Amino acid sequence: MQGTIDPEAVISAAKHQIISSNYAQVEEARATVFATLEKCAHDEAVSIPLYLRFADLEIELRQFKQATKVFEQAVVAWSSSLQLWERYVSFCLDRQKYSNAKKIVVRANEILPAPCHTALWTLLEENENTKADVPALKAQLEAGSTITAVAPAPAPIPTPSPTPSIEPVELKSTVYFQKLPTTLPVTPDCPYLLFDPVDPAITLPTPVLYQINEHSRNEMLFREVLRLWEIQRQKEVDTLYRWQDLIAMQMKEGSELYKRVYSSEASSDPKIAIEQQTEQLTLRHEFASRAATSQAQFIEITAMDRGSQLANQQRTLQALNVPLMTVTKDPLIVAQQRKVVALVLEAEAAYRKQQQQRPPAHRYVSFHRHDGMTAVVLGKPTTAVHALGRSLVGLKIFIHTEALHAAVAVEEVVVDRSTRDPVETIMKTIFQVGSSSLLLLMTEARLG
């Protein structure tokens, strides 16, 4: 029966069902394909092409999460298939999920024989966004299991309500995820960035405080610090979403494993019952181990990304002469650097508040008296001269293009009672001079 299954025909029928029902029967079509996969679960020649065509269909429907689910189920069922791993990695690269692609390559190379590794590394090396990480990933793989390289993360075992969660017998003390995490995982290699919360116990030397005070009005530094803060915040949000996607996928996989393993009743034959229990324990152990490995890989790659981000923050602020800034991962120095950054942010907030509270200067005209003369500084010549109007009559006016303390008279205008339109007379002179910052010096003595 299995030999008669045509993957192309199965997917074509599913696609026809979806389109003809105006997408109302998507779940039914998927269920049919999954049922067919169950039937040919032991026929590699049919199962692998069917998985690939199924994933292509989900991608065509733009159901990328469903496509990820299909790929995950495929590489679990046929973990020795290089073709499946290659398509899975290519799918992630096409979707610009570069972090996922790197994790999948490491995961695949831990399973596949050495001759298959080159093809997967080549996929990363041919992509501009991942080729720089290949040497580090190779070194990580050669160093051994990533589980020993980082602090063990809790392996999420899903809790499909109302059924109980699955727990490996030998890991009963492990804490599993009961819901999606809302915080980033701990990365021991790089626990803090410069905009993380400050340790209250950290103090700074007095000279450093004086140096920070010198930057209390440094707008360039403030702009750069705010830019770095926004970059860190956005990257943390993106990383949290990827972490939640990983945990959600594992919880869903565990739920399906539970249903599949415990859907059939226990056999009354003791021998068969023992075989069933052994198979259940094996599946649970494999799932828990696979989940822990995936999480450890995620944490390892996240730590690498955070280390690069920390160094970039330190170099940027060092170039702006911020005290204590140097590229290091020393916990004490990084803690002091976080304190410095927090003080700079406080200074920025105080400076911004001060700027907002400052009364606005008059837009058009200000008056100054000196040595028996009245200086009228006009920021907007056209508006201001029109505002003064006939009050200019009888004054000797000097037009300047610079501020009062550095001005040189460019033109002299005398507005007397015979002038028909003093505003027009002055404006013509303004336009001839080409002044945009106008200064009028007017004698207080009226002209005859």
Protein backbone atom coordinates (compact mmCIF):
# COMPACT_ATOMS: atom_id res chain seq x y z
CA MET A 1 0.00 0.00 0.00
CA GLN A 2 2.81 2.35 0.88
CA GLY A 3 4.45 1.80 -2.47
CA THR A 4 1.37 3.13 -4.28
CA ILE A 5 1.48 6.52 -2.53
CA ASP A 6 2.43 9.34 -4.89
CA PRO A 7 3.67 12.42 -2.93
CA GLU A 8 2.86 14.74 -5.83
CA ALA A 9 -0.69 13.43 -6.06
CA VAL A 10 -1.22 13.70 -2.29
CA ILE A 11 -0.12 17.35 -2.21
CA SER A 12 -2.06 18.21 -5.38
CA ALA A 13 -5.22 16.79 -3.81
CA ALA A 14 -4.62 18.77 -0.61
CA LYS A 15 -4.03 21.98 -2.56
CA HIS A 16 -7.19 21.41 -4.62
CA GLN A 17 -9.20 20.84 -1.43
CA ILE A 18 -7.88 24.07 0.10
CA ILE A 19 -8.48 26.24 -2.96
CA SER A 20 -11.86 24.76 -3.90
CA SER A 21 -13.12 25.36 -0.34
CA ASN A 22 -11.88 28.96 -0.44
CA TYR A 23 -9.39 28.06 2.30
CA ALA A 24 -12.13 26.85 4.65
CA GLN A 25 -10.76 23.29 4.74
CA VAL A 26 -7.07 24.01 5.33
CA GLU A 27 -6.96 22.02 8.56
CA GLU A 28 -8.76 19.07 6.97
CA ALA A 29 -6.28 19.03 4.09
CA ARG A 30 -3.36 19.12 6.49
CA ALA A 31 -4.83 16.31 8.54
CA THR A 32 -5.07 14.19 5.40
CA VAL A 33 -1.42 14.78 4.55
CA PHE A 34 -0.28 14.02 8.10
CA ALA A 35 -2.34 10.82 8.04
CA THR A 36 -0.63 9.83 4.80
CA LEU A 37 2.75 10.53 6.37
CA GLU A 38 1.83 8.20 9.21
CA LYS A 39 1.04 5.46 6.71
CA CYS A 40 4.39 5.75 4.97
CA ALA A 41 6.38 6.48 8.13
CA HIS A 42 8.82 3.65 7.39
CA ASP A 43 9.11 4.18 3.63
CA GLU A 44 11.96 6.65 3.13
CA ALA A 45 11.50 6.82 -0.65
CA VAL A 46 7.94 8.11 -0.19
CA SER A 47 8.09 9.89 3.17
CA ILE A 48 10.96 12.31 2.45
CA PRO A 49 9.57 13.61 -0.90
CA LEU A 50 6.15 13.93 0.71
CA TYR A 51 7.60 16.00 3.57
CA LEU A 52 9.40 18.25 1.08
CA ARG A 53 6.31 18.79 -1.08
CA PHE A 54 4.22 19.38 2.05
CA ALA A 55 6.64 22.10 3.21
CA ASP A 56 6.59 23.65 -0.27
CA LEU A 57 2.80 23.80 -0.12
CA GLU A 58 2.83 25.58 3.24
CA ILE A 59 5.41 28.05 1.93
CA GLU A 60 3.28 28.64 -1.17
CA LEU A 61 0.34 29.37 1.13
CA ARG A 62 2.65 31.69 3.14
CA GLN A 63 2.06 29.59 6.23
CA PHE A 64 5.68 29.83 7.36
CA LYS A 65 5.12 28.59 10.90
CA GLN A 66 3.37 25.53 9.54
CA ALA A 67 6.26 25.00 7.12
CA THR A 68 8.67 25.14 10.06
CA LYS A 69 6.55 22.55 11.84
CA VAL A 70 6.69 20.27 8.79
CA PHE A 71 10.47 20.63 8.51
CA GLU A 72 10.91 19.94 12.22
CA GLN A 73 8.81 16.79 12.04
CA ALA A 74 10.69 15.72 8.92
CA VAL A 75 14.20 16.05 10.38
CA VAL A 76 13.07 14.25 13.52
CA ALA A 77 11.61 11.37 11.51
CA TRP A 78 14.54 11.19 9.06
CA SER A 79 17.44 12.77 10.92
CA SER A 80 20.01 11.13 8.62
CA SER A 81 18.61 12.80 5.47
CA LEU A 82 20.99 15.49 4.24
CA GLN A 83 18.37 16.62 1.71
CA LEU A 84 15.87 17.48 4.45
CA TRP A 85 18.45 19.40 6.49
CA GLU A 86 19.60 21.36 3.42
CA ARG A 87 16.05 22.38 2.54
CA TYR A 88 15.36 23.35 6.16
CA VAL A 89 18.46 25.58 6.31
CA SER A 90 17.69 27.13 2.91
CA PHE A 91 14.14 27.86 4.07
CA CYS A 92 15.46 29.75 7.11
CA LEU A 93 17.98 31.69 5.03
CA ASP A 94 15.30 32.65 2.49
CA ARG A 95 13.15 33.91 5.37
CA GLN A 96 16.15 35.86 6.74
CA LYS A 97 16.01 33.80 9.93
CA TYR A 98 19.79 33.70 10.09
CA SER A 99 20.06 32.75 13.74
CA ASN A 100 17.75 29.78 13.20
CA ALA A 101 19.73 28.69 10.14
CA LYS A 102 22.98 28.68 12.12
CA LYS A 103 21.42 26.67 14.93
CA ILE A 104 20.00 24.13 12.50
CA VAL A 105 23.36 23.65 10.79
CA VAL A 106 25.07 23.00 14.12
CA ARG A 107 22.28 20.66 15.15
CA ALA A 108 22.43 18.76 11.84
CA ASN A 109 26.21 18.41 11.90
CA GLU A 110 25.99 16.85 15.34
CA ILE A 111 23.80 14.13 13.82
CA LEU A 112 25.03 13.68 10.25
CA PRO A 113 28.32 11.97 9.34
CA ALA A 114 31.33 14.18 8.60
CA PRO A 115 31.14 13.93 4.78
CA CYS A 116 27.75 15.69 4.90
CA HIS A 117 28.99 18.68 6.87
CA THR A 118 30.56 20.51 3.93
CA ALA A 119 27.25 20.94 2.11
CA LEU A 120 25.63 22.60 5.13
CA TRP A 121 28.59 24.87 5.89
CA THR A 122 28.54 25.94 2.23
CA LEU A 123 24.95 27.18 2.59
CA LEU A 124 26.05 29.52 5.39
CA GLU A 125 29.26 30.58 3.64
CA GLU A 126 27.34 31.57 0.49
CA ASN A 127 25.10 33.93 2.48
CA GLU A 128 26.53 37.37 3.25
CA ASN A 129 24.74 37.52 6.60
CA THR A 130 26.04 34.22 7.98
CA LYS A 131 29.42 33.54 6.38
CA ALA A 132 31.32 35.51 9.04
CA ASP A 133 29.96 33.23 11.78
CA VAL A 134 31.01 29.94 10.17
CA PRO A 135 34.50 29.73 11.77
CA ALA A 136 33.07 30.29 15.26
CA LEU A 137 30.33 27.73 14.69
CA LYS A 138 32.84 25.17 13.44
CA ALA A 139 35.00 25.76 16.49
CA GLN A 140 31.95 25.36 18.70
CA LEU A 141 31.07 22.08 17.01
CA GLU A 142 34.62 20.76 17.28
CA ALA A 143 34.79 21.67 20.96
CA GLY A 144 32.04 19.17 21.68
CA SER A 145 28.48 19.32 22.87
CA THR A 146 27.18 22.79 23.55
CA ILE A 147 25.38 21.47 26.62
CA THR A 148 28.67 21.44 28.52
CA ALA A 149 29.69 24.82 27.13
CA VAL A 150 26.89 26.81 28.76
CA ALA A 151 24.80 26.67 31.89
CA PRO A 152 22.00 24.16 31.33
CA ALA A 153 18.71 25.80 30.41
CA PRO A 154 15.42 24.34 31.60
CA ALA A 155 14.08 21.99 28.97
CA PRO A 156 10.46 22.88 28.19
CA ILE A 157 8.02 20.03 28.39
CA PRO A 158 4.59 21.11 27.12
CA THR A 159 1.49 20.97 29.24
CA PRO A 160 -1.41 20.16 26.91
CA SER A 161 -4.48 20.83 29.01
CA PRO A 162 -5.97 18.87 30.64
CA THR A 163 -3.38 16.12 30.13
CA PRO A 164 -0.31 16.09 32.41
CA SER A 165 3.15 17.10 31.25
CA ILE A 166 5.75 14.53 30.21
CA GLU A 167 8.85 14.30 32.35
CA PRO A 168 11.87 12.10 31.65
CA VAL A 169 12.33 9.69 34.53
CA GLU A 170 15.97 10.60 35.10
CA LEU A 171 15.29 14.38 35.07
CA LYS A 172 12.51 14.69 37.65
CA SER A 173 14.28 17.56 39.45
CA THR A 174 14.43 19.66 36.27
CA VAL A 175 12.12 22.68 36.05
CA TYR A 176 10.21 22.74 32.76
CA PHE A 177 8.41 25.57 31.02
CA GLN A 178 4.73 25.71 31.92
CA LYS A 179 4.12 28.67 29.59
CA LEU A 180 6.05 30.82 27.14
CA PRO A 181 8.98 32.70 28.72
CA THR A 182 8.71 36.46 29.03
CA THR A 183 12.40 37.10 29.70
CA LEU A 184 15.59 36.31 27.82
CA PRO A 185 17.59 33.21 28.80
CA VAL A 186 20.67 33.73 30.96
CA THR A 187 23.87 33.87 28.90
CA PRO A 188 26.78 33.21 31.29
CA ASP A 189 29.39 34.22 28.69
CA CYS A 190 27.88 37.72 28.40
CA PRO A 191 25.30 38.31 31.14
CA TYR A 192 25.10 42.11 30.85
CA LEU A 193 25.13 44.86 28.23
CA LEU A 194 25.74 48.53 29.00
CA PHE A 195 22.06 49.50 29.18
CA ASP A 196 21.06 46.71 31.56
CA PRO A 197 19.97 47.55 35.15
CA VAL A 198 22.67 48.94 37.44
CA ASP A 199 23.93 47.16 40.54
CA PRO A 200 23.14 49.50 43.49
CA ALA A 201 26.31 48.38 45.28
CA ILE A 202 28.55 49.73 42.51
CA THR A 203 30.23 53.07 43.23
CA LEU A 204 32.41 55.25 41.01
CA PRO A 205 35.56 57.18 41.96
CA THR A 206 35.14 60.93 42.42
CA PRO A 207 37.36 61.83 39.42
CA VAL A 208 35.11 59.73 37.19
CA LEU A 209 32.06 61.63 38.44
CA TYR A 210 33.76 64.92 37.56
CA GLN A 211 34.52 63.59 34.08
CA ILE A 212 30.90 62.58 33.61
CA ASN A 213 29.80 66.05 34.72
CA GLU A 214 31.87 67.53 31.89
CA HIS A 215 29.50 65.76 29.47
CA SER A 216 26.36 67.17 31.12
CA ARG A 217 25.55 69.25 28.01
CA ASN A 218 27.16 67.08 25.33
CA GLU A 219 24.36 66.73 22.78
CA MET A 220 26.44 64.54 20.46
CA LEU A 221 27.05 62.05 23.27
CA PHE A 222 23.38 62.11 24.25
CA ARG A 223 22.28 61.31 20.69
CA GLU A 224 24.74 58.42 20.42
CA VAL A 225 23.79 56.97 23.80
CA LEU A 226 20.09 57.07 22.92
CA ARG A 227 20.84 55.39 19.59
CA LEU A 228 22.79 52.58 21.28
CA TRP A 229 20.02 52.15 23.85
CA GLU A 230 17.40 51.80 21.11
CA ILE A 231 19.53 49.24 19.23
CA GLN A 232 19.96 47.13 22.38
CA ARG A 233 16.25 47.31 23.18
CA GLN A 234 15.22 46.27 19.66
CA LYS A 235 17.70 43.38 19.55
CA GLU A 236 16.49 42.10 22.91
CA VAL A 237 12.89 42.18 21.68
CA ASP A 238 13.85 40.28 18.52
CA THR A 239 15.83 37.72 20.53
CA LEU A 240 12.94 37.22 22.94
CA TYR A 241 10.56 36.56 20.04
CA ARG A 242 12.95 33.94 18.63
CA TRP A 243 13.30 32.35 22.08
CA GLN A 244 9.53 32.18 22.45
CA ASP A 245 9.22 30.67 18.96
CA LEU A 246 11.67 27.94 19.93
CA ILE A 247 9.90 27.14 23.20
CA ALA A 248 6.46 27.21 21.55
CA MET A 249 7.64 24.82 18.85
CA GLN A 250 9.03 22.44 21.48
CA MET A 251 5.86 22.62 23.55
CA LYS A 252 3.79 21.80 20.48
CA GLU A 253 6.11 18.94 19.56
CA GLY A 254 5.85 17.57 23.09
CA SER A 255 2.07 17.81 23.00
CA GLU A 256 1.91 15.86 19.76
CA LEU A 257 4.37 13.31 21.13
CA TYR A 258 2.18 12.82 24.18
CA LYS A 259 -0.93 12.27 22.07
CA ARG A 260 0.88 9.87 19.76
CA VAL A 261 2.49 7.81 22.53
CA TYR A 262 -0.49 7.57 24.86
CA SER A 263 -3.32 7.43 22.33
CA SER A 264 -3.35 3.62 22.30
CA GLU A 265 -4.35 1.59 25.33
CA ALA A 266 -1.80 -0.61 27.07
CA SER A 267 -1.61 -4.16 25.82
CA SER A 268 -2.73 -7.00 28.08
CA ASP A 269 0.27 -9.02 26.92
CA PRO A 270 3.06 -8.37 29.49
CA LYS A 271 5.78 -8.65 26.86
CA ILE A 272 4.12 -6.16 24.52
CA ALA A 273 3.30 -3.85 27.46
CA ILE A 274 6.97 -3.78 28.48
CA GLU A 275 7.99 -3.00 24.90
CA GLN A 276 5.46 -0.15 24.80
CA GLN A 277 6.73 1.33 28.06
CA THR A 278 10.32 1.05 26.86
CA GLU A 279 9.45 2.82 23.62
CA GLN A 280 7.61 5.57 25.53
CA LEU A 281 10.58 6.16 27.84
CA THR A 282 12.94 6.24 24.87
CA LEU A 283 10.81 8.76 23.00
CA ARG A 284 10.49 10.96 26.09
CA HIS A 285 14.22 10.83 26.71
CA GLU A 286 15.03 11.67 23.08
CA PHE A 287 12.59 14.57 23.09
CA ALA A 288 13.93 16.04 26.35
CA SER A 289 17.53 15.65 25.17
CA ARG A 290 16.75 17.25 21.81
CA ALA A 291 14.91 20.15 23.45
CA ALA A 292 17.78 20.79 25.88
CA THR A 293 20.31 20.69 23.04
CA SER A 294 18.32 23.19 20.96
CA GLN A 295 18.03 25.55 23.92
CA ALA A 296 21.73 25.27 24.69
CA GLN A 297 22.58 26.09 21.08
CA PHE A 298 20.26 29.09 21.17
CA ILE A 299 21.92 30.35 24.36
CA GLU A 300 25.39 29.81 22.93
CA ILE A 301 24.65 31.79 19.77
CA THR A 302 22.85 34.50 21.76
CA ALA A 303 25.91 34.87 24.00
CA MET A 304 28.10 35.33 20.92
CA ASP A 305 25.77 38.03 19.56
CA ARG A 306 25.63 39.82 22.92
CA GLY A 307 29.42 39.72 23.23
CA SER A 308 29.78 41.45 19.86
CA GLN A 309 27.13 44.00 20.80
CA LEU A 310 28.83 44.77 24.13
CA ALA A 311 32.19 45.33 22.41
CA ASN A 312 30.54 47.65 19.88
CA GLN A 313 28.89 49.69 22.66
CA GLN A 314 32.20 50.01 24.50
CA ARG A 315 34.15 51.05 21.40
CA THR A 316 31.55 53.66 20.42
CA LEU A 317 31.49 55.32 23.86
CA GLN A 318 35.26 55.08 24.17
CA ALA A 319 35.57 57.10 20.95
CA LEU A 320 33.40 59.79 22.59
CA ASN A 321 35.78 59.98 25.60
CA VAL A 322 33.31 58.54 28.07
CA PRO A 323 35.25 57.59 31.23
CA LEU A 324 36.01 53.92 32.06
CA MET A 325 35.05 52.82 28.56
CA THR A 326 37.27 50.05 27.24
CA VAL A 327 36.53 46.78 25.46
CA THR A 328 36.36 44.11 28.17
CA LYS A 329 34.14 41.41 29.65
CA ASP A 330 35.46 41.82 33.19
CA PRO A 331 32.31 41.73 35.39
CA LEU A 332 33.42 44.53 37.73
CA ILE A 333 34.46 46.89 34.93
CA VAL A 334 31.27 46.20 32.97
CA ALA A 335 29.24 46.90 36.13
CA GLN A 336 31.01 50.27 36.50
CA GLN A 337 30.45 51.02 32.82
CA ARG A 338 26.73 50.37 33.26
CA LYS A 339 26.76 52.85 36.16
CA VAL A 340 28.48 55.44 33.95
CA VAL A 341 25.93 54.95 31.16
CA ALA A 342 23.07 55.28 33.66
CA LEU A 343 24.48 58.63 34.85
CA VAL A 344 24.84 59.83 31.26
CA LEU A 345 21.19 58.94 30.64
CA GLU A 346 20.20 60.88 33.77
CA ALA A 347 22.18 63.87 32.50
CA GLU A 348 20.46 63.60 29.12
CA ALA A 349 17.02 63.55 30.76
CA ALA A 350 17.87 66.60 32.90
CA TYR A 351 19.25 68.47 29.89
CA ARG A 352 16.18 67.68 27.79
CA LYS A 353 13.86 68.84 30.59
CA GLN A 354 15.85 72.05 30.96
CA GLN A 355 15.59 72.73 27.23
CA GLN A 356 11.83 72.18 27.30
CA GLN A 357 11.35 74.58 30.21
CA ARG A 358 13.47 77.39 28.71
CA PRO A 359 11.22 80.32 27.64
CA PRO A 360 11.24 80.79 23.86
CA ALA A 361 13.06 83.83 22.52
CA HIS A 362 11.06 86.48 20.64
CA ARG A 363 10.94 85.40 17.04
CA TYR A 364 11.11 88.80 15.46
CA VAL A 365 12.50 91.70 17.40
CA SER A 366 14.46 92.55 20.56
CA PHE A 367 15.53 96.01 21.84
CA HIS A 368 18.83 97.03 23.46
CA ARG A 369 19.83 100.56 24.67
CA HIS A 370 23.46 101.66 24.60
CA ASP A 371 25.12 105.09 24.36
CA GLY A 372 21.98 107.00 23.55
CA MET A 373 20.93 104.67 20.75
CA THR A 374 18.33 101.95 20.44
CA ALA A 375 19.41 98.72 18.73
CA VAL A 376 16.57 96.75 17.20
CA VAL A 377 17.60 93.21 16.21
CA LEU A 378 15.24 91.64 13.73
CA GLY A 379 15.39 87.89 13.21
CA LYS A 380 12.77 87.92 10.46
CA PRO A 381 13.29 91.19 8.51
CA THR A 382 10.10 91.13 6.45
CA THR A 383 7.70 90.44 9.33
CA ALA A 384 9.47 92.72 11.79
CA VAL A 385 9.76 95.77 9.55
CA HIS A 386 6.08 95.52 8.68
CA ALA A 387 5.32 95.31 12.40
CA LEU A 388 7.23 98.53 13.11
CA GLY A 389 5.51 100.36 10.23
CA ARG A 390 5.24 104.17 10.54
CA SER A 391 7.11 104.21 13.83
CA LEU A 392 10.30 104.12 11.72
CA VAL A 393 9.65 107.67 10.42
CA GLY A 394 12.20 110.22 11.60
CA LEU A 395 14.91 107.67 12.46
CA LYS A 396 18.32 107.15 10.94
CA ILE A 397 18.67 103.42 10.31
CA PHE A 398 21.81 101.38 9.69
CA ILE A 399 21.33 97.91 8.22
CA HIS A 400 23.82 95.23 9.25
CA THR A 401 24.10 91.55 8.41
CA GLU A 402 25.78 90.31 11.58
CA ALA A 403 25.11 90.45 15.32
CA LEU A 404 25.53 93.74 17.18
CA HIS A 405 28.97 93.02 18.68
CA ALA A 406 30.49 92.11 15.26
CA ALA A 407 28.42 94.24 12.92
CA VAL A 408 29.71 96.46 10.14
CA ALA A 409 27.29 98.95 8.62
CA VAL A 410 26.34 97.91 5.12
CA GLU A 411 23.72 100.47 4.25
CA GLU A 412 22.27 103.63 5.78
CA VAL A 413 18.63 104.52 5.33
CA VAL A 414 17.01 107.79 6.42
CA VAL A 415 13.26 107.66 6.75
CA ASP A 416 11.77 111.17 7.03
CA ARG A 417 8.27 112.53 6.86
CA SER A 418 8.48 112.90 3.08
CA THR A 419 8.94 109.16 2.66
CA ARG A 420 5.65 107.85 1.34
CA ASP A 421 6.14 104.25 2.43
CA PRO A 422 8.89 103.74 5.02
CA VAL A 423 8.32 99.98 5.08
CA GLU A 424 8.77 99.65 1.32
CA THR A 425 11.88 101.85 1.41
CA ILE A 426 13.54 99.76 4.10
CA MET A 427 12.51 96.46 2.54
CA LYS A 428 14.05 97.40 -0.81
CA THR A 429 17.32 98.08 0.98
CA ILE A 430 17.08 94.79 2.85
CA PHE A 431 16.63 92.85 -0.38
CA GLN A 432 19.51 94.70 -2.03
CA VAL A 433 21.80 93.84 0.88
CA GLY A 434 20.53 90.27 0.97
CA SER A 435 20.40 90.24 4.76
CA SER A 436 18.57 87.48 6.57
CA SER A 437 19.70 88.52 10.06
CA LEU A 438 18.93 92.22 10.18
CA LEU A 439 20.13 94.81 12.68
CA LEU A 440 18.70 98.33 12.82
CA LEU A 441 20.48 101.08 14.77
CA MET A 442 18.16 104.03 15.25
CA THR A 443 19.18 107.38 16.76
CA GLU A 444 16.82 108.59 19.40
CA ALA A 445 17.10 112.18 18.13
CA ARG A 446 14.41 112.79 15.57
CA LEU A 447 15.51 114.18 12.21
CA GLY A 448 13.97 117.40 10.96
